[in-house]
Amino acid sequence: MGTTTHQSIGSPEDAIRSLARQHGIAYRETGYDALAEQITQLSGDTVNLDPVELLLVELERSGCVEGKEATLLHANYLRSVKYAPDTRP
C-alpha cells in the first residue's frame, strides 16, 4: 500500500486512530509478538505498548505507513502523552 499521506487534525492519537479506521486496521497479536514479549521479559526489561501504539504497529505491518512516517507519528504521540496535562483527580 505504501506511505499514506494525511493531514493531522487534532492530536497525534486522533491521527493514528483515524488512519487505522480509514484502512480497517485493528491490532492482532502474532506469534512473533508473543516471542518478543518473552525475550523481553527474560532480558529483565519491560515494554508496555498502549492501544494506540499497538495500532501504529499494525499500521506499519500492513504497509499503510512506512518506517519514517511511523516513527514521526510515534514520536509525536509520545510527546503528546508526555506533555499532556495530568487529568487525574
Protein backbone atom coordinates (compact mmCIF):
# COMPACT_ATOMS: atom_id res chain seq x y z
CA MET A 1 0.00 0.00 0.00
CA GLY A 2 2.87 2.40 0.66
CA THR A 3 3.05 5.53 2.67
CA THR A 4 -0.24 7.21 3.39
CA THR A 5 -0.19 10.96 3.37
CA HIS A 6 -2.56 12.58 5.77
CA GLN A 7 -3.34 15.89 7.27
CA SER A 8 -3.16 15.76 11.02
CA ILE A 9 -6.26 17.25 12.54
CA GLY A 10 -6.36 17.09 16.30
CA SER A 11 -3.96 15.12 18.42
CA PRO A 12 -1.40 12.56 17.29
CA GLU A 13 -3.65 9.92 18.87
CA ASP A 14 -6.54 11.12 16.69
CA ALA A 15 -4.32 10.90 13.58
CA ILE A 16 -3.27 7.30 14.39
CA ARG A 17 -6.81 6.19 15.20
CA SER A 18 -8.12 7.89 12.05
CA LEU A 19 -5.55 6.12 9.85
CA ALA A 20 -6.48 2.79 11.44
CA ARG A 21 -10.20 3.43 10.78
CA GLN A 22 -9.55 4.51 7.18
CA HIS A 23 -7.70 1.27 6.49
CA GLY A 24 -9.85 -1.06 8.61
CA ILE A 25 -6.87 -1.84 10.84
CA ALA A 26 -7.08 -3.39 14.30
CA TYR A 27 -4.17 -4.77 16.29
CA ARG A 28 -3.84 -8.55 16.19
CA GLU A 29 -1.17 -10.23 18.28
CA THR A 30 1.07 -12.57 16.30
CA GLY A 31 3.32 -15.40 17.41
CA TYR A 32 6.27 -13.07 16.91
CA ASP A 33 4.70 -10.59 19.34
CA ALA A 34 4.42 -13.28 22.00
CA LEU A 35 8.00 -14.37 21.34
CA ALA A 36 9.28 -10.78 21.56
CA GLU A 37 7.43 -10.33 24.85
CA GLN A 38 9.02 -13.49 26.29
CA ILE A 39 12.51 -12.47 25.16
CA THR A 40 11.99 -9.00 26.62
CA GLN A 41 10.90 -10.46 29.96
CA LEU A 42 13.84 -12.88 30.03
CA SER A 43 16.20 -9.98 29.48
CA GLY A 44 14.76 -8.29 32.57
CA ASP A 45 13.20 -5.50 30.58
CA THR A 46 9.62 -4.38 30.20
CA VAL A 47 7.96 -2.84 27.20
CA ASN A 48 4.30 -1.96 27.54
CA LEU A 49 2.72 -0.52 24.42
CA ASP A 50 -0.63 1.13 24.88
CA PRO A 51 -3.56 0.51 22.49
CA VAL A 52 -2.63 3.49 20.29
CA GLU A 53 0.97 2.28 19.92
CA LEU A 54 -0.31 -1.20 19.07
CA LEU A 55 -2.48 0.31 16.31
CA LEU A 56 0.61 2.03 14.95
CA VAL A 57 2.48 -1.30 14.96
CA GLU A 58 -0.33 -2.85 12.93
CA LEU A 59 -0.49 0.11 10.53
CA GLU A 60 3.19 -0.35 9.79
CA ARG A 61 2.93 -4.14 9.47
CA SER A 62 0.10 -3.80 6.99
CA GLY A 63 2.04 -1.31 4.88
CA CYS A 64 -0.37 1.57 5.48
CA VAL A 65 2.50 3.63 6.88
CA GLU A 66 6.19 3.15 6.28
CA GLY A 67 9.06 3.40 8.74
CA LYS A 68 9.75 7.13 8.60
CA GLU A 69 6.10 8.11 8.88
CA ALA A 70 5.51 5.57 11.67
CA THR A 71 8.49 6.96 13.56
CA LEU A 72 7.21 10.52 13.23
CA LEU A 73 3.70 9.54 14.29
CA HIS A 74 5.09 7.63 17.28
CA ALA A 75 7.39 10.47 18.34
CA ASN A 76 4.53 12.99 18.13
CA TYR A 77 2.25 10.65 20.04
CA LEU A 78 4.84 10.10 22.80
CA ARG A 79 5.42 13.85 23.06
CA SER A 80 1.69 14.49 23.35
CA VAL A 81 1.33 11.86 26.07
CA LYS A 82 4.40 13.05 27.99
CA TYR A 83 3.35 16.68 27.97
CA ALA A 84 -0.39 16.17 28.29
CA PRO A 85 -1.91 17.82 31.33
CA ASP A 86 -2.45 15.47 34.24
CA THR A 87 -6.21 14.96 34.47
CA ARG A 88 -6.14 12.53 37.37
CA PRO A 89 -8.26 13.55 40.39
